[in-house]
C-alpha cells in the first residue's frame, strides 16, 4: 500500500485505473488501491474500475466485478471488447472459429490498450493485477496483461493472493463487503 501511495504522489496521478475481472487478482488489487487512496493526505485520486468482458467472460465474474467496484465507490465502467476483438481478428484474416493463441492474446492486448488510453485521458495510473505465479510461468500476454504502470501483485504468488482476499473477507466487519468477497 505505501509503495503505491509513493508512486501515486510522485507522478501526481489523479486516478487509478484497474481492469477488474471479478477474479482474485483484480479483487486484491482494487482492495489495495482502495486502502491506498484512503491514506493519501491530499484529495485522494479516484479509482476507475473497468470491466472489459469478452467472448469468454461469465456473468458470475462480470457481476462480481460490478458489485465490488460499486460497493467500494469506484467509478465503474463496463466496456465490451467483443466488437473490437472481432474487428481485429477480421482485419488480419484470422478464422473466428479457431480459438487459439492469436484470438486469446488479441483480447488481452485490447484490454491493455483500453486501460492505458483511459489512464492517459484521466491523468491516471494503470494498476496491474497479474501475480508472481503468472509472471514466473509466463501465464500472461506479451504486450497485453503483463503491461501496466505499476504492478501491485507481482511479488505475491497466486496461493497467497487467494489467502489475502480470504483473510480480508474474514476480518472485515462490513457484512455486505464480506458477502461480496
C-alpha atoms as a PDB file:
ATOM      1  CA  UNK A   1       0.000   0.000   0.000  1.00  0.00           C
ATOM      2  CA  UNK A   2       2.662   2.520   0.975  1.00  0.00           C
ATOM      3  CA  UNK A   3       4.759   1.907  -2.132  1.00  0.00           C
ATOM      4  CA  UNK A   4       1.645   2.521  -4.230  1.00  0.00           C
ATOM      5  CA  UNK A   5       0.950   5.751  -2.326  1.00  0.00           C
ATOM      6  CA  UNK A   6       4.507   6.953  -3.004  1.00  0.00           C
ATOM      7  CA  UNK A   7       4.125   6.158  -6.697  1.00  0.00           C
ATOM      8  CA  UNK A   8       0.775   7.983  -6.931  1.00  0.00           C
ATOM      9  CA  UNK A   9       2.206  11.025  -5.179  1.00  0.00           C
ATOM     10  CA  UNK A  10       5.462  11.015  -7.159  1.00  0.00           C
ATOM     11  CA  UNK A  11       3.781  11.044 -10.556  1.00  0.00           C
ATOM     12  CA  UNK A  12       0.853  13.180  -9.311  1.00  0.00           C
ATOM     13  CA  UNK A  13      -1.699  10.699 -10.632  1.00  0.00           C
ATOM     14  CA  UNK A  14      -5.264  11.854 -10.196  1.00  0.00           C
ATOM     15  CA  UNK A  15      -6.819   8.451 -10.732  1.00  0.00           C
ATOM     16  CA  UNK A  16      -6.023   4.764 -10.512  1.00  0.00           C
ATOM     17  CA  UNK A  17      -7.256   2.654 -13.426  1.00  0.00           C
ATOM     18  CA  UNK A  18      -7.804  -1.060 -12.828  1.00  0.00           C
ATOM     19  CA  UNK A  19      -9.096  -3.714 -15.167  1.00  0.00           C
ATOM     20  CA  UNK A  20     -11.405  -5.654 -12.872  1.00  0.00           C
ATOM     21  CA  UNK A  21     -12.452  -9.125 -13.945  1.00  0.00           C
ATOM     22  CA  UNK A  22     -14.166 -10.431 -10.840  1.00  0.00           C
ATOM     23  CA  UNK A  23     -11.278 -12.809 -10.191  1.00  0.00           C
ATOM     24  CA  UNK A  24      -8.909 -12.937  -7.235  1.00  0.00           C
ATOM     25  CA  UNK A  25      -6.018 -10.906  -8.668  1.00  0.00           C
ATOM     26  CA  UNK A  26      -8.078  -7.875  -9.636  1.00  0.00           C
ATOM     27  CA  UNK A  27     -10.057  -8.164  -6.392  1.00  0.00           C
ATOM     28  CA  UNK A  28      -6.871  -7.909  -4.345  1.00  0.00           C
ATOM     29  CA  UNK A  29      -5.596  -5.037  -6.494  1.00  0.00           C
ATOM     30  CA  UNK A  30      -8.766  -2.980  -6.062  1.00  0.00           C
ATOM     31  CA  UNK A  31      -8.782  -3.630  -2.289  1.00  0.00           C
ATOM     32  CA  UNK A  32      -5.178  -2.411  -2.021  1.00  0.00           C
ATOM     33  CA  UNK A  33      -5.959   0.601  -4.231  1.00  0.00           C
ATOM     34  CA  UNK A  34      -8.937   1.486  -2.041  1.00  0.00           C
ATOM     35  CA  UNK A  35      -6.747   1.247   1.059  1.00  0.00           C
ATOM     36  CA  UNK A  36      -4.102   3.450  -0.574  1.00  0.00           C
ATOM     37  CA  UNK A  37      -6.468   6.216  -1.665  1.00  0.00           C
ATOM     38  CA  UNK A  38      -7.931   6.476   1.841  1.00  0.00           C
ATOM     39  CA  UNK A  39      -4.409   7.017   3.247  1.00  0.00           C
ATOM     40  CA  UNK A  40      -3.343   9.795   0.861  1.00  0.00           C
ATOM     41  CA  UNK A  41      -3.266  13.198   2.569  1.00  0.00           C
ATOM     42  CA  UNK A  42      -4.288  15.266  -0.424  1.00  0.00           C
ATOM     43  CA  UNK A  43      -7.573  14.921  -2.247  1.00  0.00           C
ATOM     44  CA  UNK A  44      -7.472  11.204  -2.942  1.00  0.00           C
ATOM     45  CA  UNK A  45      -7.435  10.031  -6.519  1.00  0.00           C
ATOM     46  CA  UNK A  46     -10.471   8.208  -7.701  1.00  0.00           C
ATOM     47  CA  UNK A  47     -10.373   4.582  -8.708  1.00  0.00           C
ATOM     48  CA  UNK A  48     -11.692   3.790 -12.150  1.00  0.00           C
ATOM     49  CA  UNK A  49     -12.577   0.087 -12.194  1.00  0.00           C
ATOM     50  CA  UNK A  50     -13.085  -1.136 -15.743  1.00  0.00           C
ATOM     51  CA  UNK A  51     -14.774  -4.402 -16.640  1.00  0.00           C
ATOM     52  CA  UNK A  52     -13.770  -5.459 -20.154  1.00  0.00           C
ATOM     53  CA  UNK A  53     -15.919  -8.501 -20.956  1.00  0.00           C
ATOM     54  CA  UNK A  54     -15.002 -10.536 -23.988  1.00  0.00           C
ATOM     55  CA  UNK A  55     -16.178 -13.749 -25.566  1.00  0.00           C
ATOM     56  CA  UNK A  56     -15.235 -15.956 -22.598  1.00  0.00           C
ATOM     57  CA  UNK A  57     -16.440 -13.705 -19.759  1.00  0.00           C
ATOM     58  CA  UNK A  58     -19.005 -15.327 -17.475  1.00  0.00           C
ATOM     59  CA  UNK A  59     -21.938 -13.476 -15.953  1.00  0.00           C
ATOM     60  CA  UNK A  60     -20.729 -14.543 -12.493  1.00  0.00           C
ATOM     61  CA  UNK A  61     -17.323 -12.857 -12.764  1.00  0.00           C
ATOM     62  CA  UNK A  62     -18.753  -9.827 -14.568  1.00  0.00           C
ATOM     63  CA  UNK A  63     -21.321  -9.383 -11.777  1.00  0.00           C
ATOM     64  CA  UNK A  64     -18.661  -9.869  -9.069  1.00  0.00           C
ATOM     65  CA  UNK A  65     -16.573  -7.106 -10.650  1.00  0.00           C
ATOM     66  CA  UNK A  66     -19.566  -4.773 -10.852  1.00  0.00           C
ATOM     67  CA  UNK A  67     -20.769  -5.349  -7.286  1.00  0.00           C
ATOM     68  CA  UNK A  68     -17.328  -4.970  -5.704  1.00  0.00           C
ATOM     69  CA  UNK A  69     -16.457  -1.854  -7.722  1.00  0.00           C
ATOM     70  CA  UNK A  70     -19.715  -0.107  -6.955  1.00  0.00           C
ATOM     71  CA  UNK A  71     -19.588  -1.091  -3.292  1.00  0.00           C
ATOM     72  CA  UNK A  72     -16.095   0.422  -2.985  1.00  0.00           C
ATOM     73  CA  UNK A  73     -17.410   3.620  -4.657  1.00  0.00           C
ATOM     74  CA  UNK A  74     -15.192   3.204  -7.687  1.00  0.00           C
ATOM     75  CA  UNK A  75     -16.037   4.894 -10.960  1.00  0.00           C
ATOM     76  CA  UNK A  76     -17.228   1.633 -12.554  1.00  0.00           C
ATOM     77  CA  UNK A  77     -17.137   1.356 -16.316  1.00  0.00           C
ATOM     78  CA  UNK A  78     -18.005  -1.606 -18.471  1.00  0.00           C
ATOM     79  CA  UNK A  79     -16.551  -1.709 -21.960  1.00  0.00           C
ATOM     80  CA  UNK A  80     -17.467  -4.739 -24.030  1.00  0.00           C
ATOM     81  CA  UNK A  81     -14.480  -5.705 -26.179  1.00  0.00           C
ATOM     82  CA  UNK A  82     -16.210  -8.245 -28.416  1.00  0.00           C
ATOM     83  CA  UNK A  83     -16.633  -5.903 -31.396  1.00  0.00           C
ATOM     84  CA  UNK A  84     -13.044  -4.600 -31.134  1.00  0.00           C
ATOM     85  CA  UNK A  85     -11.786  -8.180 -30.951  1.00  0.00           C
ATOM     86  CA  UNK A  86     -13.877  -9.240 -33.950  1.00  0.00           C
ATOM     87  CA  UNK A  87     -12.721  -6.210 -35.930  1.00  0.00           C
ATOM     88  CA  UNK A  88      -9.086  -7.021 -35.303  1.00  0.00           C
ATOM     89  CA  UNK A  89      -9.486 -10.740 -35.981  1.00  0.00           C
ATOM     90  CA  UNK A  90     -11.211  -9.909 -39.290  1.00  0.00           C
ATOM     91  CA  UNK A  91      -8.564  -7.337 -40.231  1.00  0.00           C
ATOM     92  CA  UNK A  92      -5.767  -9.939 -40.019  1.00  0.00           C
ATOM     93  CA  UNK A  93      -7.872 -12.625 -41.750  1.00  0.00           C
ATOM     94  CA  UNK A  94      -7.931 -14.865 -38.672  1.00  0.00           C
ATOM     95  CA  UNK A  95     -10.650 -17.523 -38.720  1.00  0.00           C
ATOM     96  CA  UNK A  96     -13.195 -16.735 -35.998  1.00  0.00           C
ATOM     97  CA  UNK A  97     -13.895 -20.382 -35.293  1.00  0.00           C
ATOM     98  CA  UNK A  98     -10.282 -21.020 -34.306  1.00  0.00           C
ATOM     99  CA  UNK A  99      -9.806 -20.237 -30.631  1.00  0.00           C
ATOM    100  CA  UNK A 100      -6.072 -20.237 -30.277  1.00  0.00           C
ATOM    101  CA  UNK A 101      -3.248 -18.021 -29.123  1.00  0.00           C
ATOM    102  CA  UNK A 102      -3.860 -15.175 -31.588  1.00  0.00           C
ATOM    103  CA  UNK A 103      -7.516 -14.955 -30.644  1.00  0.00           C
ATOM    104  CA  UNK A 104      -6.888 -15.075 -26.876  1.00  0.00           C
ATOM    105  CA  UNK A 105      -3.969 -12.647 -26.965  1.00  0.00           C
ATOM    106  CA  UNK A 106      -5.970 -10.170 -29.030  1.00  0.00           C
ATOM    107  CA  UNK A 107      -8.427  -9.797 -26.145  1.00  0.00           C
ATOM    108  CA  UNK A 108      -5.637  -9.228 -23.589  1.00  0.00           C
ATOM    109  CA  UNK A 109      -3.987  -6.613 -25.795  1.00  0.00           C
ATOM    110  CA  UNK A 110      -7.259  -4.782 -26.446  1.00  0.00           C
ATOM    111  CA  UNK A 111      -7.912  -4.699 -22.695  1.00  0.00           C
ATOM    112  CA  UNK A 112      -4.463  -3.267 -22.003  1.00  0.00           C
ATOM    113  CA  UNK A 113      -4.752  -0.669 -24.770  1.00  0.00           C
ATOM    114  CA  UNK A 114      -8.145   0.409 -23.433  1.00  0.00           C
ATOM    115  CA  UNK A 115      -6.892   0.749 -19.839  1.00  0.00           C
ATOM    116  CA  UNK A 116      -3.809   2.696 -20.960  1.00  0.00           C
ATOM    117  CA  UNK A 117      -5.911   5.071 -23.055  1.00  0.00           C
ATOM    118  CA  UNK A 118      -8.317   5.677 -20.165  1.00  0.00           C
ATOM    119  CA  UNK A 119      -5.332   6.400 -17.894  1.00  0.00           C
ATOM    120  CA  UNK A 120      -3.906   8.845 -20.442  1.00  0.00           C
ATOM    121  CA  UNK A 121      -7.269  10.648 -20.678  1.00  0.00           C
ATOM    122  CA  UNK A 122      -7.719  10.814 -16.894  1.00  0.00           C
ATOM    123  CA  UNK A 123      -4.129  11.510 -15.712  1.00  0.00           C
ATOM    124  CA  UNK A 124      -4.272   8.059 -14.217  1.00  0.00           C
ATOM    125  CA  UNK A 125      -2.036   5.179 -13.279  1.00  0.00           C
ATOM    126  CA  UNK A 126      -2.860   1.720 -14.645  1.00  0.00           C
ATOM    127  CA  UNK A 127      -2.581  -0.717 -11.774  1.00  0.00           C
ATOM    128  CA  UNK A 128      -1.548  -4.167 -12.965  1.00  0.00           C
ATOM    129  CA  UNK A 129      -3.271  -7.175 -11.455  1.00  0.00           C
ATOM    130  CA  UNK A 130      -1.060 -10.083 -12.506  1.00  0.00           C
ATOM    131  CA  UNK A 131       0.599 -12.079  -9.736  1.00  0.00           C
ATOM    132  CA  UNK A 132       4.043 -13.618  -9.245  1.00  0.00           C
ATOM    133  CA  UNK A 133       2.928 -17.101 -10.293  1.00  0.00           C
ATOM    134  CA  UNK A 134       1.626 -15.798 -13.618  1.00  0.00           C
ATOM    135  CA  UNK A 135       4.825 -13.854 -14.260  1.00  0.00           C
ATOM    136  CA  UNK A 136       7.061 -16.794 -13.304  1.00  0.00           C
ATOM    137  CA  UNK A 137       5.241 -19.281 -15.516  1.00  0.00           C
ATOM    138  CA  UNK A 138       4.697 -16.912 -18.442  1.00  0.00           C
ATOM    139  CA  UNK A 139       0.936 -17.025 -17.967  1.00  0.00           C
ATOM    140  CA  UNK A 140       0.456 -13.537 -19.328  1.00  0.00           C
ATOM    141  CA  UNK A 141       0.242 -11.986 -22.762  1.00  0.00           C
ATOM    142  CA  UNK A 142       3.259 -10.141 -24.124  1.00  0.00           C
ATOM    143  CA  UNK A 143       2.179  -6.549 -24.853  1.00  0.00           C
ATOM    144  CA  UNK A 144      -1.035  -7.389 -23.007  1.00  0.00           C
ATOM    145  CA  UNK A 145      -1.752  -8.038 -19.343  1.00  0.00           C
ATOM    146  CA  UNK A 146       1.889  -8.001 -18.297  1.00  0.00           C
ATOM    147  CA  UNK A 147       1.995  -4.264 -19.077  1.00  0.00           C
ATOM    148  CA  UNK A 148       0.874  -1.685 -16.564  1.00  0.00           C
ATOM    149  CA  UNK A 149       2.199   1.455 -14.930  1.00  0.00           C
ATOM    150  CA  UNK A 150       2.512  -0.223 -11.543  1.00  0.00           C
ATOM    151  CA  UNK A 151       2.155  -3.918 -10.699  1.00  0.00           C
ATOM    152  CA  UNK A 152       0.705  -4.309  -7.223  1.00  0.00           C
ATOM    153  CA  UNK A 153       0.531  -8.139  -7.110  1.00  0.00           C
ATOM    154  CA  UNK A 154       3.783  -9.017  -8.855  1.00  0.00           C
ATOM    155  CA  UNK A 155       5.529 -10.077  -5.630  1.00  0.00           C
ATOM    156  CA  UNK A 156       2.669 -12.266  -4.457  1.00  0.00           C
ATOM    157  CA  UNK A 157       2.186 -15.902  -5.555  1.00  0.00           C
ATOM    158  CA  UNK A 158      -1.325 -16.978  -6.597  1.00  0.00           C
ATOM    159  CA  UNK A 159      -1.794 -19.089  -3.453  1.00  0.00           C
ATOM    160  CA  UNK A 160      -1.115 -16.040  -1.286  1.00  0.00           C
ATOM    161  CA  UNK A 161      -3.441 -13.845  -3.370  1.00  0.00           C
ATOM    162  CA  UNK A 162      -6.262 -16.255  -2.596  1.00  0.00           C
ATOM    163  CA  UNK A 163      -5.321 -16.305   1.095  1.00  0.00           C
ATOM    164  CA  UNK A 164      -5.108 -12.478   1.339  1.00  0.00           C
ATOM    165  CA  UNK A 165      -8.542 -11.974  -0.215  1.00  0.00           C
ATOM    166  CA  UNK A 166      -9.943 -14.681   2.084  1.00  0.00           C
ATOM    167  CA  UNK A 167      -8.347 -13.053   5.147  1.00  0.00           C
ATOM    168  CA  UNK A 168      -9.675  -9.644   4.151  1.00  0.00           C
ATOM    169  CA  UNK A 169     -13.171 -11.115   3.839  1.00  0.00           C
ATOM    170  CA  UNK A 170     -12.884 -12.912   7.185  1.00  0.00           C
ATOM    171  CA  UNK A 171     -11.561  -9.870   9.042  1.00  0.00           C
ATOM    172  CA  UNK A 172     -13.825  -7.157   7.691  1.00  0.00           C
ATOM    173  CA  UNK A 173     -16.629  -6.040   9.962  1.00  0.00           C
ATOM    174  CA  UNK A 174     -18.570  -4.935   6.905  1.00  0.00           C
ATOM    175  CA  UNK A 175     -21.083  -7.737   6.321  1.00  0.00           C
ATOM    176  CA  UNK A 176     -22.019  -6.649   2.803  1.00  0.00           C
ATOM    177  CA  UNK A 177     -18.377  -6.460   1.694  1.00  0.00           C
ATOM    178  CA  UNK A 178     -17.757  -9.862   3.275  1.00  0.00           C
ATOM    179  CA  UNK A 179     -20.621 -11.316   1.253  1.00  0.00           C
ATOM    180  CA  UNK A 180     -19.342  -9.773  -1.988  1.00  0.00           C
ATOM    181  CA  UNK A 181     -15.835 -11.105  -1.381  1.00  0.00           C
END
